[in-house]
N, C-alpha and C. Protein backbone atom coordinates (compact mmCIF):
# COMPACT_ATOMS: atom_id res chain seq x y z
N MET A 1 153.66 149.35 45.09
CA MET A 1 153.13 150.92 45.47
C MET A 1 152.32 150.89 46.70
N LEU A 2 152.51 151.78 47.40
CA LEU A 2 151.61 152.36 48.67
C LEU A 2 150.57 153.46 48.34
N ARG A 3 149.55 152.98 49.01
CA ARG A 3 148.21 154.19 48.77
C ARG A 3 148.11 154.44 49.95
N TYR A 4 147.62 156.00 50.15
CA TYR A 4 147.49 156.32 51.82
C TYR A 4 146.23 157.32 51.36
N HIS A 5 145.21 157.40 52.08
CA HIS A 5 143.96 158.35 52.14
C HIS A 5 144.06 159.64 52.81
N VAL A 6 144.48 160.50 52.76
CA VAL A 6 144.65 161.31 53.60
C VAL A 6 143.74 162.58 53.83
N ASN A 7 142.85 162.39 54.21
CA ASN A 7 141.16 163.05 54.40
C ASN A 7 141.81 164.91 54.32
N ASP A 8 142.80 165.29 54.97
CA ASP A 8 142.90 166.53 54.92
C ASP A 8 143.69 167.37 53.75
N LEU A 9 144.03 166.48 52.74
CA LEU A 9 144.73 167.57 51.74
C LEU A 9 143.40 168.30 51.31
N SER A 10 143.47 169.38 51.08
CA SER A 10 142.36 170.36 50.33
C SER A 10 142.93 171.10 49.04
N CYS A 11 144.48 171.47 48.95
CA CYS A 11 144.32 172.27 48.00
C CYS A 11 146.05 172.05 47.30
N GLY A 12 146.54 172.80 46.54
CA GLY A 12 148.16 172.82 45.64
C GLY A 12 148.75 172.55 46.74
N HIS A 13 148.79 173.26 47.72
CA HIS A 13 149.84 173.80 48.90
C HIS A 13 150.13 172.18 49.50
N CYS A 14 148.78 171.75 49.93
CA CYS A 14 149.05 170.33 50.81
C CYS A 14 149.63 169.49 49.57
N VAL A 15 149.29 169.27 48.28
CA VAL A 15 149.79 168.43 47.61
C VAL A 15 151.29 168.61 47.44
N GLN A 16 151.89 169.81 47.29
CA GLN A 16 153.41 170.05 47.69
C GLN A 16 153.95 169.67 48.57
N ALA A 17 153.25 170.18 49.95
CA ALA A 17 154.19 169.81 51.46
C ALA A 17 154.17 168.10 51.11
N VAL A 18 153.16 167.55 50.84
CA VAL A 18 153.51 165.98 51.64
C VAL A 18 154.10 165.28 50.44
N THR A 19 154.36 165.85 49.26
CA THR A 19 155.20 165.47 48.08
C THR A 19 156.44 165.54 48.56
N ALA A 20 156.92 166.95 48.98
CA ALA A 20 158.10 167.31 49.69
C ALA A 20 158.67 166.55 50.66
N ALA A 21 157.70 166.04 51.70
CA ALA A 21 157.58 165.27 53.18
C ALA A 21 158.13 163.86 52.91
N ILE A 22 157.60 163.19 51.46
CA ILE A 22 157.75 161.94 51.09
C ILE A 22 159.16 162.27 50.65
N ASN A 23 159.35 162.82 49.57
CA ASN A 23 160.76 163.00 48.82
C ASN A 23 162.11 163.43 49.85
N ALA A 24 162.03 164.00 51.12
CA ALA A 24 162.91 164.21 51.67
C ALA A 24 163.12 162.93 52.68
N LEU A 25 162.04 161.80 52.85
CA LEU A 25 162.52 160.65 53.44
C LEU A 25 163.31 159.80 52.37
N ASP A 26 162.67 159.91 50.98
CA ASP A 26 162.95 159.01 50.16
C ASP A 26 162.99 159.65 48.76
N PRO A 27 164.10 160.39 48.32
CA PRO A 27 164.34 160.94 47.13
C PRO A 27 164.14 160.79 45.83
N ALA A 28 164.22 159.22 46.00
CA ALA A 28 163.92 158.77 44.67
C ALA A 28 162.37 157.97 44.85
N ALA A 29 161.62 158.51 45.84
CA ALA A 29 160.62 158.39 45.60
C ALA A 29 159.81 158.64 44.71
N GLU A 30 158.74 157.93 44.02
CA GLU A 30 157.50 158.54 42.92
C GLU A 30 156.23 158.68 43.65
N VAL A 31 155.91 160.19 43.85
CA VAL A 31 154.94 160.35 44.48
C VAL A 31 153.46 160.66 43.63
N ALA A 32 152.35 160.16 43.52
CA ALA A 32 151.41 160.84 42.77
C ALA A 32 150.32 161.31 43.81
N ILE A 33 149.49 162.44 43.46
CA ILE A 33 148.44 162.46 44.44
C ILE A 33 147.37 163.04 43.87
N ASP A 34 145.93 162.31 44.24
CA ASP A 34 144.79 162.88 43.35
C ASP A 34 144.14 163.53 44.35
N LEU A 35 144.19 164.78 44.18
CA LEU A 35 143.54 165.96 44.99
C LEU A 35 141.83 165.50 45.12
N PRO A 36 141.31 165.30 44.37
CA PRO A 36 139.94 164.95 44.57
C PRO A 36 139.63 163.97 45.57
N SER A 37 140.18 163.13 45.18
CA SER A 37 139.91 161.43 45.95
C SER A 37 140.85 161.48 46.99
N LYS A 38 142.02 162.17 47.51
CA LYS A 38 142.56 162.49 48.66
C LYS A 38 143.31 161.35 48.65
N ARG A 39 143.87 160.69 47.50
CA ARG A 39 144.90 159.48 47.48
C ARG A 39 145.85 159.94 47.05
N VAL A 40 147.13 159.57 48.03
CA VAL A 40 148.46 159.53 47.95
C VAL A 40 148.79 158.37 47.53
N ASP A 41 149.61 157.99 46.07
CA ASP A 41 150.21 156.65 46.03
C ASP A 41 151.64 156.83 45.85
N VAL A 42 152.62 156.18 46.25
CA VAL A 42 154.07 156.43 46.59
C VAL A 42 154.75 154.90 46.25
N ARG A 43 155.38 154.99 45.35
CA ARG A 43 156.72 153.88 44.77
C ARG A 43 158.14 154.28 45.80
N SER A 44 157.98 153.45 46.69
CA SER A 44 159.35 153.82 47.59
C SER A 44 159.89 152.37 48.13
N ASP A 45 160.93 152.34 48.38
CA ASP A 45 161.67 151.46 49.11
C ASP A 45 161.56 151.27 50.62
N ARG A 46 160.86 152.62 51.33
CA ARG A 46 160.98 152.75 52.57
C ARG A 46 159.56 151.97 53.22
N GLU A 47 159.75 151.59 54.33
CA GLU A 47 158.49 150.75 55.52
C GLU A 47 157.38 151.73 54.78
N PRO A 48 156.32 151.12 54.99
CA PRO A 48 154.82 151.92 54.68
C PRO A 48 154.78 152.78 55.96
N SER A 49 154.95 152.30 57.29
CA SER A 49 154.70 153.13 58.25
C SER A 49 155.50 154.72 58.72
N ALA A 50 156.85 154.39 57.90
CA ALA A 50 157.69 155.44 57.68
C ALA A 50 157.42 156.56 56.44
N VAL A 51 156.94 156.12 55.67
CA VAL A 51 156.19 156.83 54.90
C VAL A 51 155.11 157.77 55.60
N ALA A 52 154.29 157.13 56.03
CA ALA A 52 153.09 157.46 56.43
C ALA A 52 153.60 158.69 57.88
N GLY A 53 154.33 158.06 58.36
CA GLY A 53 155.07 159.45 59.36
C GLY A 53 155.37 160.92 58.82
N ALA A 54 156.11 160.44 57.33
CA ALA A 54 156.74 161.60 57.17
C ALA A 54 155.23 162.64 56.71
N ILE A 55 154.21 161.78 56.24
CA ILE A 55 153.29 162.58 55.78
C ILE A 55 152.25 163.31 56.99
N SER A 56 152.91 162.45 58.15
CA SER A 56 152.28 162.77 59.48
C SER A 56 152.98 164.16 59.81
N LYS A 57 154.59 163.82 60.11
CA LYS A 57 155.25 165.04 60.54
C LYS A 57 155.03 166.10 59.44
N ALA A 58 154.47 166.44 58.17
CA ALA A 58 154.02 167.50 57.49
C ALA A 58 152.86 168.01 57.97
N GLY A 59 151.90 167.20 58.80
CA GLY A 59 151.25 168.00 59.55
C GLY A 59 149.70 167.56 58.68
N TYR A 60 149.72 165.65 57.88
CA TYR A 60 148.50 165.54 57.50
C TYR A 60 148.42 164.19 58.62
N THR A 61 146.81 163.59 58.04
CA THR A 61 146.84 162.41 58.56
C THR A 61 146.49 161.10 57.72
N PRO A 62 147.15 160.71 57.46
CA PRO A 62 146.77 159.63 56.45
C PRO A 62 145.95 158.88 57.35
N ALA A 63 144.93 158.36 56.76
CA ALA A 63 143.88 157.57 57.37
C ALA A 63 144.27 155.89 57.56
N PHE A 64 144.85 155.45 56.44
CA PHE A 64 144.95 154.05 56.18
C PHE A 64 146.23 154.13 54.93
N TYR A 65 146.84 152.90 55.06
CA TYR A 65 147.44 152.50 54.04
C TYR A 65 147.40 151.15 53.56
N GLN A 66 148.00 150.64 52.43
CA GLN A 66 147.69 149.79 51.64
C GLN A 66 148.59 149.48 50.62
N GLN A 67 149.17 148.21 50.65
CA GLN A 67 150.36 148.02 49.48
C GLN A 67 150.00 147.13 48.46
N ASP A 68 149.75 147.18 47.43
CA ASP A 68 149.08 146.26 46.42
C ASP A 68 149.85 145.62 46.00
N ALA A 69 149.30 144.36 45.81
CA ALA A 69 150.12 143.14 45.68
C ALA A 69 150.72 143.25 44.06
N ALA A 70 151.56 142.66 43.76
CA ALA A 70 151.80 141.95 42.73
C ALA A 70 150.65 141.59 41.49
N ALA A 71 150.45 142.14 40.03
CA ALA A 71 149.37 142.00 39.46
C ALA A 71 149.89 140.85 39.18
N PRO A 72 148.31 139.74 38.84
CA PRO A 72 148.87 138.41 38.56
C PRO A 72 149.12 138.11 37.32
N THR A 73 149.98 137.39 37.02
CA THR A 73 150.81 137.15 35.36
C THR A 73 149.64 136.16 34.92
N SER A 74 149.65 136.34 33.60
CA SER A 74 148.64 135.70 32.61
C SER A 74 149.31 134.46 31.97
N SER A 75 148.24 133.57 31.86
CA SER A 75 148.79 132.10 31.53
C SER A 75 148.66 132.04 30.06
N GLY A 76 148.29 133.20 29.55
CA GLY A 76 148.04 133.02 27.73
C GLY A 76 146.37 133.77 27.13
N SER A 77 145.73 133.45 28.12
CA SER A 77 144.50 133.85 27.73
C SER A 77 143.75 134.98 28.83
N CYS A 78 142.91 135.54 28.24
CA CYS A 78 142.02 136.87 28.76
C CYS A 78 141.62 136.76 30.13
N CYS A 79 141.43 135.58 30.36
CA CYS A 79 140.80 135.12 31.73
C CYS A 79 141.86 134.62 32.56
N CYS A 80 143.34 134.91 32.50
CA CYS A 80 144.38 134.24 33.19
C CYS A 80 144.18 132.69 33.28
N GLY A 81 143.61 131.92 32.70
CA GLY A 81 143.97 130.34 32.63
C GLY A 81 144.43 130.14 31.19
N PRO A 82 144.70 128.87 31.31
CA PRO A 82 145.56 128.55 30.06
C PRO A 82 144.87 128.30 29.19
N ARG A 83 145.75 128.82 27.82
CA ARG A 83 144.94 128.44 26.63
C ARG A 83 144.80 127.18 25.84
N ARG A 84 143.44 127.35 25.25
CA ARG A 84 143.14 125.99 24.85
C ARG A 84 143.07 125.58 23.33
């Protein structure tokens, strides 16, 4: 999952424009935008810089991106430690 903060998102039109730009780059991309927090989450096989470039090309400014690490796997207890 790629996560971008796009401070200049302000309305539903912005959401549609950013979603369309990302989907033009990668039609299989999954895009979730939280307008109040100005967060754009993207599942895509494209490079993070390419997705940021698509957002920029649409006229918006991705302030940063982060790629979430895979969630740790549990070893059987609620503390991710071995079960005793």
